[in-house]
Amino acid sequence: MFFYCKIFRYSVSNRIEYTDKVYLYSSGMPAELIDKSKEKLNEHGVNLNDLIVIESPENVPEGAIMITLWPHYLSVAKVKRVREGSIYAPQLFNIDL
């Protein structure tokens, strides 16, 4: 009896589409985790020259992609509205670290 197993190569299905800059909200995470996040974002189509690391979600323009760094994943969102220091950015998808 033979068992046949195919090994599939991981492919990135969630490419990040953006026009200007991508904002990575690090919220005080360690440098190693920020570096790992940059590698993952590069795999998902983000040019590292377009990436801005921020410590607080301020001055992020409407329409921009904002990624929140959590200990085990990245939360990708698109900023819909900025009003009086508050940002409304619905989540698009997560990227596991």
C-alpha atoms as a PDB file:
ATOM      1  CA  MET A   1       0.000   0.000   0.000  1.00  0.00           C
ATOM      2  CA  PHE A   2       1.364   3.432  -0.952  1.00  0.00           C
ATOM      3  CA  PHE A   3       0.625   6.753   0.635  1.00  0.00           C
ATOM      4  CA  TYR A   4       1.030   9.785  -1.546  1.00  0.00           C
ATOM      5  CA  CYS A   5       1.555  13.147   0.071  1.00  0.00           C
ATOM      6  CA  LYS A   6       1.962  16.489  -1.656  1.00  0.00           C
ATOM      7  CA  ILE A   7       3.872  19.229   0.051  1.00  0.00           C
ATOM      8  CA  PHE A   8       2.494  22.650  -0.712  1.00  0.00           C
ATOM      9  CA  ARG A   9       4.667  25.685  -0.541  1.00  0.00           C
ATOM     10  CA  TYR A  10       3.355  28.551   1.582  1.00  0.00           C
ATOM     11  CA  SER A  11       2.012  31.358  -0.563  1.00  0.00           C
ATOM     12  CA  VAL A  12       1.009  34.788   0.582  1.00  0.00           C
ATOM     13  CA  SER A  13      -2.643  35.284  -0.260  1.00  0.00           C
ATOM     14  CA  ASN A  14      -3.135  38.529   1.615  1.00  0.00           C
ATOM     15  CA  ARG A  15      -1.014  41.121  -0.138  1.00  0.00           C
ATOM     16  CA  ILE A  16      -1.235  44.566   1.364  1.00  0.00           C
ATOM     17  CA  GLU A  17      -2.440  47.102  -1.187  1.00  0.00           C
ATOM     18  CA  TYR A  18      -1.462  50.695  -0.424  1.00  0.00           C
ATOM     19  CA  THR A  19      -0.709  53.903  -2.282  1.00  0.00           C
ATOM     20  CA  ASP A  20       1.626  56.038  -0.161  1.00  0.00           C
ATOM     21  CA  LYS A  21       2.903  54.974   3.265  1.00  0.00           C
ATOM     22  CA  VAL A  22       2.167  52.113   5.654  1.00  0.00           C
ATOM     23  CA  TYR A  23       2.123  52.866   9.381  1.00  0.00           C
ATOM     24  CA  LEU A  24       3.287  50.222  11.880  1.00  0.00           C
ATOM     25  CA  TYR A  25       1.925  51.033  15.321  1.00  0.00           C
ATOM     26  CA  SER A  26       4.437  49.324  17.607  1.00  0.00           C
ATOM     27  CA  SER A  27       3.043  50.506  20.986  1.00  0.00           C
ATOM     28  CA  GLY A  28       6.360  49.938  22.772  1.00  0.00           C
ATOM     29  CA  MET A  29       7.090  46.412  21.550  1.00  0.00           C
ATOM     30  CA  PRO A  30      10.727  45.183  21.615  1.00  0.00           C
ATOM     31  CA  ALA A  31      13.031  45.902  18.655  1.00  0.00           C
ATOM     32  CA  GLU A  32      13.289  42.167  17.796  1.00  0.00           C
ATOM     33  CA  LEU A  33       9.523  41.945  17.347  1.00  0.00           C
ATOM     34  CA  ILE A  34       9.478  45.109  15.223  1.00  0.00           C
ATOM     35  CA  ASP A  35      12.220  43.633  13.004  1.00  0.00           C
ATOM     36  CA  LYS A  36      10.279  40.368  12.644  1.00  0.00           C
ATOM     37  CA  SER A  37       7.183  42.403  11.734  1.00  0.00           C
ATOM     38  CA  LYS A  38       9.112  44.252   9.029  1.00  0.00           C
ATOM     39  CA  GLU A  39      10.167  40.926   7.486  1.00  0.00           C
ATOM     40  CA  LYS A  40       6.563  39.675   7.489  1.00  0.00           C
ATOM     41  CA  LEU A  41       5.271  42.900   5.977  1.00  0.00           C
ATOM     42  CA  ASN A  42       7.896  42.692   3.250  1.00  0.00           C
ATOM     43  CA  GLU A  43       6.630  39.172   2.460  1.00  0.00           C
ATOM     44  CA  HIS A  44       3.137  40.660   2.143  1.00  0.00           C
ATOM     45  CA  GLY A  45       4.165  43.263  -0.419  1.00  0.00           C
ATOM     46  CA  VAL A  46       5.186  46.259   1.703  1.00  0.00           C
ATOM     47  CA  ASN A  47       8.303  48.101   0.556  1.00  0.00           C
ATOM     48  CA  LEU A  48      10.301  48.829   3.717  1.00  0.00           C
ATOM     49  CA  ASN A  49      11.060  52.330   2.412  1.00  0.00           C
ATOM     50  CA  ASP A  50       7.302  53.011   2.620  1.00  0.00           C
ATOM     51  CA  LEU A  51       7.019  51.792   6.239  1.00  0.00           C
ATOM     52  CA  ILE A  52       6.785  54.287   9.103  1.00  0.00           C
ATOM     53  CA  VAL A  53       7.041  52.906  12.651  1.00  0.00           C
ATOM     54  CA  ILE A  54       4.962  54.926  15.125  1.00  0.00           C
ATOM     55  CA  GLU A  55       4.624  54.700  18.922  1.00  0.00           C
ATOM     56  CA  SER A  56       1.125  56.184  19.056  1.00  0.00           C
ATOM     57  CA  PRO A  57      -1.656  56.306  16.466  1.00  0.00           C
ATOM     58  CA  GLU A  58      -1.396  60.028  15.759  1.00  0.00           C
ATOM     59  CA  ASN A  59      -1.009  61.880  12.452  1.00  0.00           C
ATOM     60  CA  VAL A  60      -2.060  58.855  10.391  1.00  0.00           C
ATOM     61  CA  PRO A  61      -3.947  60.164   7.340  1.00  0.00           C
ATOM     62  CA  GLU A  62      -7.341  58.926   6.217  1.00  0.00           C
ATOM     63  CA  GLY A  63      -7.053  56.163   3.628  1.00  0.00           C
ATOM     64  CA  ALA A  64      -3.688  54.952   4.925  1.00  0.00           C
ATOM     65  CA  ILE A  65      -2.932  51.391   5.965  1.00  0.00           C
ATOM     66  CA  MET A  66      -2.198  51.102   9.692  1.00  0.00           C
ATOM     67  CA  ILE A  67      -0.832  47.881  11.132  1.00  0.00           C
ATOM     68  CA  THR A  68      -0.993  47.272  14.854  1.00  0.00           C
ATOM     69  CA  LEU A  69       1.741  45.061  16.271  1.00  0.00           C
ATOM     70  CA  TRP A  70       0.602  42.545  18.875  1.00  0.00           C
ATOM     71  CA  PRO A  71       2.855  39.907  20.495  1.00  0.00           C
ATOM     72  CA  HIS A  72       1.768  37.080  18.161  1.00  0.00           C
ATOM     73  CA  TYR A  73       0.235  38.771  15.111  1.00  0.00           C
ATOM     74  CA  LEU A  74      -0.124  41.929  13.051  1.00  0.00           C
ATOM     75  CA  SER A  75      -3.561  43.484  12.637  1.00  0.00           C
ATOM     76  CA  VAL A  76      -3.929  45.160   9.230  1.00  0.00           C
ATOM     77  CA  ALA A  77      -6.502  47.957   8.998  1.00  0.00           C
ATOM     78  CA  LYS A  78      -7.405  50.829   6.690  1.00  0.00           C
ATOM     79  CA  VAL A  79      -7.996  54.235   8.274  1.00  0.00           C
ATOM     80  CA  LYS A  80     -11.490  55.393   7.312  1.00  0.00           C
ATOM     81  CA  ARG A  81     -11.870  58.444   9.520  1.00  0.00           C
ATOM     82  CA  VAL A  82      -9.746  60.632  11.792  1.00  0.00           C
ATOM     83  CA  ARG A  83     -11.609  62.920  14.157  1.00  0.00           C
ATOM     84  CA  GLU A  84     -10.358  64.814  17.223  1.00  0.00           C
ATOM     85  CA  GLY A  85      -7.424  62.466  17.817  1.00  0.00           C
ATOM     86  CA  SER A  86      -9.466  59.287  17.339  1.00  0.00           C
ATOM     87  CA  ILE A  87      -8.934  56.894  14.465  1.00  0.00           C
ATOM     88  CA  TYR A  88     -11.634  54.663  12.992  1.00  0.00           C
ATOM     89  CA  ALA A  89      -9.823  51.876  11.124  1.00  0.00           C
ATOM     90  CA  PRO A  90     -11.729  48.658  10.387  1.00  0.00           C
ATOM     91  CA  GLN A  91      -9.585  45.543  10.433  1.00  0.00           C
ATOM     92  CA  LEU A  92      -8.910  43.909   7.064  1.00  0.00           C
ATOM     93  CA  PHE A  93      -7.025  40.784   8.157  1.00  0.00           C
ATOM     94  CA  ASN A  94      -4.356  39.445  10.534  1.00  0.00           C
ATOM     95  CA  ILE A  95      -0.847  38.176   9.832  1.00  0.00           C
ATOM     96  CA  ASP A  96       0.569  35.592  12.207  1.00  0.00           C
ATOM     97  CA  LEU A  97       4.098  36.181  13.445  1.00  0.00           C
END
